[in-house]
Protein backbone atom coordinates (compact mmCIF):
# COMPACT_ATOMS: atom_id res chain seq x y z
CA MET A 1 124.86 59.46 154.57
CA THR A 2 122.41 59.39 157.43
CA LEU A 3 123.30 60.79 160.81
CA GLU A 4 122.95 57.95 163.33
CA VAL A 5 122.82 59.43 166.81
CA GLU A 6 120.61 59.28 169.88
CA ALA A 7 118.19 62.13 170.56
CA PRO A 8 119.41 64.58 173.18
CA ASP A 9 117.16 65.29 176.14
CA PRO A 10 114.39 67.81 175.52
CA PRO A 11 115.01 71.35 176.75
CA GLU A 12 113.60 72.67 180.02
CA LEU A 13 111.10 75.35 179.04
CA ASP A 14 111.49 78.35 181.33
CA PHE A 15 109.52 81.55 181.16
CA VAL A 16 111.01 83.90 178.63
CA ASP A 17 108.95 86.54 176.89
CA PRO A 18 109.18 85.45 173.23
CA ASN A 19 109.13 89.10 172.18
CA GLU A 20 112.68 89.32 173.57
CA TYR A 21 113.93 87.03 170.81
CA GLU A 22 115.08 88.60 167.56
CA ASP A 23 113.37 85.82 165.59
CA ALA A 24 109.93 85.82 167.24
CA THR A 25 107.18 88.37 167.75
CA ILE A 26 103.98 87.59 169.60
CA SER A 27 101.06 89.96 169.31
CA ALA A 28 99.11 90.78 172.42
CA ASP A 29 96.36 93.14 173.40
CA GLY A 30 97.51 95.58 176.03
CA ASP A 31 99.39 94.48 179.10
CA GLU A 32 97.45 91.29 179.76
CA GLU A 33 99.24 88.20 181.02
CA ILE A 34 99.85 85.79 178.16
CA ASP A 35 99.68 82.04 178.69
CA TYR A 36 102.44 80.51 176.57
CA ARG A 37 101.41 77.05 177.79
CA ARG A 38 104.98 76.00 178.41
CA GLU A 39 104.03 73.46 181.09
CA GLU A 40 101.81 71.55 178.66
CA LEU A 41 104.39 71.81 175.90
CA GLN A 42 107.08 70.53 178.27
CA GLU A 43 104.92 67.48 179.03
CA PHE A 44 104.37 66.82 175.31
CA LEU A 45 108.10 67.06 174.62
CA GLU A 46 108.82 64.59 177.40
CA GLU A 47 105.98 62.27 176.32
CA GLY A 48 107.58 61.75 172.92
CA ALA A 49 107.14 64.82 170.71
CA TRP A 50 110.84 65.67 171.01
CA GLU A 51 112.01 62.17 170.04
CA GLU A 52 109.46 61.89 167.21
CA ALA A 53 110.58 65.21 165.77
CA PHE A 54 114.24 64.26 166.20
CA ALA A 55 113.72 61.00 164.30
CA GLU A 56 111.99 62.90 161.48
CA TRP A 57 114.76 65.49 161.41
CA LEU A 58 117.43 62.76 161.23
CA GLU A 59 115.85 61.39 158.05
CA ASP A 60 116.57 64.59 156.12
CA THR A 61 119.31 66.46 157.93
CA ASP A 62 122.46 67.36 156.04
CA LEU A 63 124.35 67.84 159.29
CA GLU A 64 127.54 65.79 159.46
CA GLU A 65 128.42 63.88 162.61
CA ARG A 66 131.30 66.24 163.43
CA ALA A 67 128.98 69.26 163.29
CA TYR A 68 126.35 67.43 165.32
CA GLU A 69 128.93 66.65 167.99
CA ILE A 70 129.89 70.32 168.14
CA ALA A 71 126.23 71.24 168.66
CA ARG A 72 125.98 68.59 171.41
CA ASP A 73 129.22 69.76 173.06
CA LEU A 74 127.86 73.30 173.13
CA ASP A 75 124.57 71.99 174.60
CA LEU A 76 122.65 73.84 171.89
CA PHE A 77 119.68 71.46 171.93
CA ALA A 78 119.02 72.49 175.55
CA GLY A 79 118.70 76.10 174.34
CA PHE A 80 115.47 75.60 172.40
CA ASP A 81 112.33 77.35 173.56
CA PHE A 82 108.79 76.47 172.54
CA PHE A 83 105.71 78.50 173.36
CA TRP A 84 102.08 78.72 172.38
CA ASP A 85 101.30 81.64 170.06
CA ASP A 86 97.56 82.02 170.49
CA PHE A 87 97.36 84.89 168.01
CA ALA A 88 98.72 82.73 165.18
CA ASP A 89 97.28 79.42 166.46
CA ARG A 90 100.71 77.78 166.36
CA VAL A 91 103.60 76.63 168.46
CA GLY A 92 106.30 79.24 168.21
CA TYR A 93 109.90 78.44 168.82
CA HIS A 94 113.31 79.96 169.30
CA ALA A 95 116.24 77.98 167.97
CA PRO A 96 119.63 78.42 169.59
CA GLY A 97 122.62 79.08 167.42
CA ILE A 98 126.28 79.86 167.27
CA PRO A 99 126.87 83.64 167.45
CA GLU A 100 128.55 85.65 164.72
CA ASP A 101 131.56 86.36 166.93
CA TRP A 102 132.37 82.67 167.37
CA GLN A 103 135.93 83.14 166.10
CA GLU A 104 136.83 85.91 168.55
CA ARG A 105 135.31 84.01 171.43
CA GLU A 106 137.02 80.71 170.57
CA TYR A 107 133.59 79.17 170.90
CA HIS A 108 134.60 75.54 170.31
CA PRO A 109 138.02 74.03 169.44
CA ASP A 110 136.63 72.00 166.48
CA LEU A 111 134.66 74.91 165.04
CA ASP A 112 136.78 76.24 162.21
CA THR A 113 134.62 77.42 159.28
CA TRP A 114 131.63 79.62 158.60
CA GLY A 115 130.21 76.72 156.60
CA THR A 116 130.05 74.55 159.71
CA VAL A 117 128.53 77.39 161.74
CA SER A 118 125.92 78.06 159.05
CA SER A 119 125.11 74.38 158.73
CA ILE A 120 124.60 73.96 162.48
CA ASN A 121 122.46 77.09 162.75
CA ALA A 122 120.33 76.19 159.73
CA GLU A 123 119.77 72.61 160.86
CA LEU A 124 118.82 73.70 164.38
CA THR A 125 116.26 76.07 162.89
CA GLU A 126 114.90 73.26 160.74
CA PHE A 127 114.71 70.96 163.76
CA GLY A 128 112.81 73.62 165.73
CA GLN A 129 110.28 73.89 162.92
CA ILE A 130 109.78 70.12 162.89
CA VAL A 131 109.26 70.07 166.67
CA SER A 132 106.79 72.94 166.37
CA VAL A 133 104.76 71.18 163.67
CA THR A 134 104.88 67.84 165.52
CA LEU A 135 103.55 69.47 168.69
CA LYS A 136 100.74 71.26 166.84
CA GLU A 137 99.66 68.35 164.64
CA GLU A 138 100.16 65.39 166.96
CA TYR A 139 99.82 66.62 170.55
CA ILE A 140 97.84 69.83 170.89
CA ASP A 141 94.10 69.48 171.20
CA TRP A 142 93.24 73.03 172.22
CA GLU A 143 92.02 75.81 169.97
CA ALA A 144 93.32 79.34 169.85
CA GLU A 145 91.33 81.70 172.03
CA TYR A 146 92.17 84.77 169.96
CA GLU A 147 89.17 86.22 168.17
CA PRO A 148 90.02 88.66 165.40
CA PRO A 149 88.07 91.92 165.37
CA GLU A 150 84.97 91.85 163.22
CA ASP A 151 85.97 95.03 161.38
CA LEU A 152 88.96 93.45 159.60
CA PRO A 153 88.83 93.91 155.81
CA ASP A 154 87.89 90.88 153.72
CA PHE A 155 90.67 90.13 151.24
CA ASP A 156 88.87 87.33 149.36
């Protein structure tokens, strides 16, 4: 069963220090200002990267329509963040998710099992990865500026 839905709008990428996320760590030298290139990434998302990634995600997602509608109702797709990680030469991302205390908070009236919560959270993470790869492989034409120190050990 394939999920047949329209892609939600891409998120608005605001400045957030990715190191504040529990699931992302960006290395930096000292206190220098880091360019996460969010403006360029926002343009790429709006130019088609978001919809391309969404179409690819739809091909393989196990998310049922009911769970997808819950994610849409909660506006979770708007909660994604994408940023350039120069140190790793990749597009990093933060995927939104349903918190562990969803039952106490009565998070959504149709949300009734941990299985649904886990499915939504896992599929959002998978979607974020697909967007990240799509941006890096299809849209980004810049190279990382990070130069590793010359005194790093050679593990070959």
